[in-house]
Amino acid sequence: MVEYLCLQELRRRSQRLKDDKRRFATMDETSDGVERTVR
């Protein structure tokens, strides 16, 4: 039972991470471009 709950939590967190990546994709791209120009 505990393992099942852990799996649910992991899935929830992974889904949250995917949403965050989607939300901040443009910010990441711009920051990457800035870093490349600075380098």
Protein backbone atom coordinates (compact mmCIF):
# COMPACT_ATOMS: atom_id res chain seq x y z
CA MET A 1 0.00 0.00 0.00
CA VAL A 2 2.77 2.44 0.86
CA GLU A 3 4.60 1.66 -2.39
CA TYR A 4 1.41 2.32 -4.35
CA LEU A 5 1.04 5.74 -2.71
CA CYS A 6 4.68 6.52 -3.51
CA LEU A 7 4.06 5.67 -7.16
CA GLN A 8 1.05 7.95 -7.24
CA GLU A 9 3.08 10.79 -5.73
CA LEU A 10 5.92 10.24 -8.21
CA ARG A 11 3.48 10.36 -11.11
CA ARG A 12 1.96 13.53 -9.71
CA ARG A 13 5.36 15.17 -9.35
CA SER A 14 6.50 14.09 -12.82
CA GLN A 15 3.30 15.53 -14.31
CA ARG A 16 3.88 18.76 -12.39
CA LEU A 17 7.44 18.95 -13.73
CA LYS A 18 6.20 18.47 -17.29
CA ASP A 19 3.69 21.29 -16.82
CA ASP A 20 6.39 23.57 -15.38
CA LYS A 21 8.73 22.83 -18.28
CA ARG A 22 5.95 23.60 -20.73
CA ARG A 23 5.12 26.82 -18.87
CA PHE A 24 8.72 28.06 -18.68
CA ALA A 25 9.87 26.74 -22.06
CA THR A 26 10.11 30.25 -23.54
CA MET A 27 12.03 31.54 -20.52
CA ASP A 28 14.49 28.65 -20.77
CA GLU A 29 15.01 29.27 -24.48
CA THR A 30 15.70 32.97 -23.95
CA SER A 31 18.09 32.29 -21.06
CA ASP A 32 19.92 29.69 -23.17
CA GLY A 33 20.30 32.22 -25.99
CA VAL A 34 21.68 34.82 -23.55
CA GLU A 35 24.12 32.31 -22.12
CA ARG A 36 25.33 31.38 -25.60
CA THR A 37 25.89 35.02 -26.54
CA VAL A 38 27.75 35.66 -23.28
CA ARG A 39 29.98 32.66 -23.87
